[in-house]
Amino acid sequence: MIQRIQTIYLLIVAGISAGLTFVFDLWKTAEGEPLFAQDE
């Protein structure tokens, strides 16, 4: 039972973490511009 709850929490956190990479900048370039996951 505890393993199921931990698995659900792990999936929730992984989903939130993956979603936040598109909202917040990953890092800033040398010019100071933010770089997002979808930038090309």
PDB file of N, CA and C in Angstrom:
ATOM      1  N   MET A   1       0.822  -1.197   0.000  1.00  0.00           N
ATOM      2  CA  MET A   1       0.000   0.000   0.000  1.00  0.00           C
ATOM      3  C   MET A   1       0.866   1.261   0.000  1.00  0.00           C
ATOM      4  N   ILE A   2       1.913   1.269   0.820  1.00  0.00           N
ATOM      5  CA  ILE A   2       2.782   2.443   0.888  1.00  0.00           C
ATOM      6  C   ILE A   2       3.511   2.644  -0.440  1.00  0.00           C
ATOM      7  N   GLN A   3       3.898   1.544  -1.097  1.00  0.00           N
ATOM      8  CA  GLN A   3       4.589   1.670  -2.377  1.00  0.00           C
ATOM      9  C   GLN A   3       3.682   2.293  -3.431  1.00  0.00           C
ATOM     10  N   ARG A   4       2.403   1.987  -3.411  1.00  0.00           N
ATOM     11  CA  ARG A   4       1.474   2.581  -4.374  1.00  0.00           C
ATOM     12  C   ARG A   4       1.368   4.080  -4.164  1.00  0.00           C
ATOM     13  N   ILE A   5       1.272   4.500  -2.917  1.00  0.00           N
ATOM     14  CA  ILE A   5       1.178   5.926  -2.618  1.00  0.00           C
ATOM     15  C   ILE A   5       2.461   6.636  -3.044  1.00  0.00           C
ATOM     16  N   GLN A   6       3.609   6.025  -2.772  1.00  0.00           N
ATOM     17  CA  GLN A   6       4.880   6.623  -3.176  1.00  0.00           C
ATOM     18  C   GLN A   6       4.972   6.724  -4.696  1.00  0.00           C
ATOM     19  N   THR A   7       4.475   5.723  -5.406  1.00  0.00           N
ATOM     20  CA  THR A   7       4.492   5.755  -6.862  1.00  0.00           C
ATOM     21  C   THR A   7       3.611   6.874  -7.384  1.00  0.00           C
ATOM     22  N   ILE A   8       2.448   7.048  -6.794  1.00  0.00           N
ATOM     23  CA  ILE A   8       1.547   8.126  -7.210  1.00  0.00           C
ATOM     24  C   ILE A   8       2.203   9.477  -6.958  1.00  0.00           C
ATOM     25  N   TYR A   9       2.797   9.666  -5.780  1.00  0.00           N
ATOM     26  CA  TYR A   9       3.490  10.919  -5.477  1.00  0.00           C
ATOM     27  C   TYR A   9       4.646  11.153  -6.444  1.00  0.00           C
ATOM     28  N   LEU A  10       5.390  10.111  -6.771  1.00  0.00           N
ATOM     29  CA  LEU A  10       6.503  10.236  -7.698  1.00  0.00           C
ATOM     30  C   LEU A  10       6.021  10.686  -9.075  1.00  0.00           C
ATOM     31  N   LEU A  11       4.926  10.104  -9.558  1.00  0.00           N
ATOM     32  CA  LEU A  11       4.383  10.492 -10.854  1.00  0.00           C
ATOM     33  C   LEU A  11       3.871  11.926 -10.843  1.00  0.00           C
ATOM     34  N   ILE A  12       3.232  12.326  -9.758  1.00  0.00           N
ATOM     35  CA  ILE A  12       2.740  13.702  -9.648  1.00  0.00           C
ATOM     36  C   ILE A  12       3.907  14.689  -9.675  1.00  0.00           C
ATOM     37  N   VAL A  13       4.940  14.412  -8.897  1.00  0.00           N
ATOM     38  CA  VAL A  13       6.094  15.306  -8.841  1.00  0.00           C
ATOM     39  C   VAL A  13       6.824  15.342 -10.183  1.00  0.00           C
ATOM     40  N   ALA A  14       6.938  14.208 -10.851  1.00  0.00           N
ATOM     41  CA  ALA A  14       7.591  14.175 -12.160  1.00  0.00           C
ATOM     42  C   ALA A  14       6.799  15.005 -13.166  1.00  0.00           C
ATOM     43  N   GLY A  15       5.480  14.913 -13.127  1.00  0.00           N
ATOM     44  CA  GLY A  15       4.644  15.706 -14.026  1.00  0.00           C
ATOM     45  C   GLY A  15       4.752  17.193 -13.752  1.00  0.00           C
ATOM     46  N   ILE A  16       4.735  17.559 -12.489  1.00  0.00           N
ATOM     47  CA  ILE A  16       4.870  18.976 -12.128  1.00  0.00           C
ATOM     48  C   ILE A  16       6.240  19.500 -12.545  1.00  0.00           C
ATOM     49  N   SER A  17       7.271  18.717 -12.288  1.00  0.00           N
ATOM     50  CA  SER A  17       8.629  19.126 -12.639  1.00  0.00           C
ATOM     51  C   SER A  17       8.780  19.292 -14.150  1.00  0.00           C
ATOM     52  N   ALA A  18       8.226  18.367 -14.912  1.00  0.00           N
ATOM     53  CA  ALA A  18       8.305  18.463 -16.370  1.00  0.00           C
ATOM     54  C   ALA A  18       7.523  19.666 -16.878  1.00  0.00           C
ATOM     55  N   GLY A  19       6.394  19.957 -16.272  1.00  0.00           N
ATOM     56  CA  GLY A  19       5.591  21.100 -16.698  1.00  0.00           C
ATOM     57  C   GLY A  19       6.243  22.428 -16.372  1.00  0.00           C
ATOM     58  N   LEU A  20       6.941  22.506 -15.259  1.00  0.00           N
ATOM     59  CA  LEU A  20       7.549  23.773 -14.853  1.00  0.00           C
ATOM     60  C   LEU A  20       8.732  24.165 -15.730  1.00  0.00           C
ATOM     61  N   THR A  21       9.343  23.210 -16.434  1.00  0.00           N
ATOM     62  CA  THR A  21      10.457  23.562 -17.310  1.00  0.00           C
ATOM     63  C   THR A  21       9.993  24.413 -18.479  1.00  0.00           C
ATOM     64  N   PHE A  22       8.695  24.372 -18.801  1.00  0.00           N
ATOM     65  CA  PHE A  22       8.167  25.199 -19.877  1.00  0.00           C
ATOM     66  C   PHE A  22       7.693  26.554 -19.369  1.00  0.00           C
ATOM     67  N   VAL A  23       7.538  26.701 -18.068  1.00  0.00           N
ATOM     68  CA  VAL A  23       7.051  27.950 -17.482  1.00  0.00           C
ATOM     69  C   VAL A  23       8.213  28.841 -17.054  1.00  0.00           C
ATOM     70  N   PHE A  24       9.193  28.252 -16.370  1.00  0.00           N
ATOM     71  CA  PHE A  24      10.328  29.019 -15.862  1.00  0.00           C
ATOM     72  C   PHE A  24      11.534  28.830 -16.766  1.00  0.00           C
ATOM     73  N   ASP A  25      12.376  29.855 -16.833  1.00  0.00           N
ATOM     74  CA  ASP A  25      13.563  29.739 -17.673  1.00  0.00           C
ATOM     75  C   ASP A  25      14.541  28.723 -17.084  1.00  0.00           C
ATOM     76  N   LEU A  26      15.226  28.010 -17.979  1.00  0.00           N
ATOM     77  CA  LEU A  26      16.175  26.988 -17.551  1.00  0.00           C
ATOM     78  C   LEU A  26      17.483  27.632 -17.106  1.00  0.00           C
ATOM     79  N   TRP A  27      17.973  28.588 -17.880  1.00  0.00           N
ATOM     80  CA  TRP A  27      19.167  29.345 -17.526  1.00  0.00           C
ATOM     81  C   TRP A  27      19.194  30.593 -18.387  1.00  0.00           C
ATOM     82  N   LYS A  28      20.162  31.439 -18.167  1.00  0.00           N
ATOM     83  CA  LYS A  28      20.321  32.660 -18.955  1.00  0.00           C
ATOM     84  C   LYS A  28      21.556  32.516 -19.839  1.00  0.00           C
ATOM     85  N   THR A  29      21.443  33.034 -21.059  1.00  0.00           N
ATOM     86  CA  THR A  29      22.562  32.976 -21.991  1.00  0.00           C
ATOM     87  C   THR A  29      23.611  34.003 -21.595  1.00  0.00           C
ATOM     88  N   ALA A  30      24.718  34.024 -22.320  1.00  0.00           N
ATOM     89  CA  ALA A  30      25.787  34.982 -22.028  1.00  0.00           C
ATOM     90  C   ALA A  30      25.312  36.420 -22.211  1.00  0.00           C
ATOM     91  N   GLU A  31      24.326  36.614 -23.086  1.00  0.00           N
ATOM     92  CA  GLU A  31      23.775  37.953 -23.316  1.00  0.00           C
ATOM     93  C   GLU A  31      22.747  38.337 -22.259  1.00  0.00           C
ATOM     94  N   GLY A  32      22.403  37.416 -21.374  1.00  0.00           N
ATOM     95  CA  GLY A  32      21.435  37.700 -20.322  1.00  0.00           C
ATOM     96  C   GLY A  32      20.004  37.365 -20.681  1.00  0.00           C
ATOM     97  N   GLU A  33      19.791  36.738 -21.837  1.00  0.00           N
ATOM     98  CA  GLU A  33      18.440  36.368 -22.252  1.00  0.00           C
ATOM     99  C   GLU A  33      18.062  35.021 -21.635  1.00  0.00           C
ATOM    100  N   PRO A  34      16.834  34.903 -21.120  1.00  0.00           N
ATOM    101  CA  PRO A  34      16.418  33.618 -20.541  1.00  0.00           C
ATOM    102  C   PRO A  34      16.192  32.570 -21.629  1.00  0.00           C
ATOM    103  N   LEU A  35      16.512  31.325 -21.325  1.00  0.00           N
ATOM    104  CA  LEU A  35      16.332  30.222 -22.262  1.00  0.00           C
ATOM    105  C   LEU A  35      15.279  29.278 -21.697  1.00  0.00           C
ATOM    106  N   PHE A  36      14.221  29.070 -22.463  1.00  0.00           N
ATOM    107  CA  PHE A  36      13.140  28.186 -22.052  1.00  0.00           C
ATOM    108  C   PHE A  36      13.265  26.850 -22.777  1.00  0.00           C
ATOM    109  N   ALA A  37      12.492  25.857 -22.348  1.00  0.00           N
ATOM    110  CA  ALA A  37      12.579  24.513 -22.922  1.00  0.00           C
ATOM    111  C   ALA A  37      12.146  24.493 -24.386  1.00  0.00           C
ATOM    112  N   GLN A  38      11.246  25.395 -24.797  1.00  0.00           N
ATOM    113  CA  GLN A  38      10.748  25.376 -26.171  1.00  0.00           C
ATOM    114  C   GLN A  38      11.465  26.355 -27.088  1.00  0.00           C
ATOM    115  N   ASP A  39      12.451  27.096 -26.605  1.00  0.00           N
ATOM    116  CA  ASP A  39      13.179  28.039 -27.451  1.00  0.00           C
ATOM    117  C   ASP A  39      13.983  27.285 -28.498  1.00  0.00           C
ATOM    118  N   GLU A  40      14.068  27.902 -29.679  1.00  0.00           N
ATOM    119  CA  GLU A  40      14.859  27.293 -30.751  1.00  0.00           C
ATOM    120  C   GLU A  40      15.855  28.278 -31.298  1.00  0.00           C
TER     121      GLU A  40
END
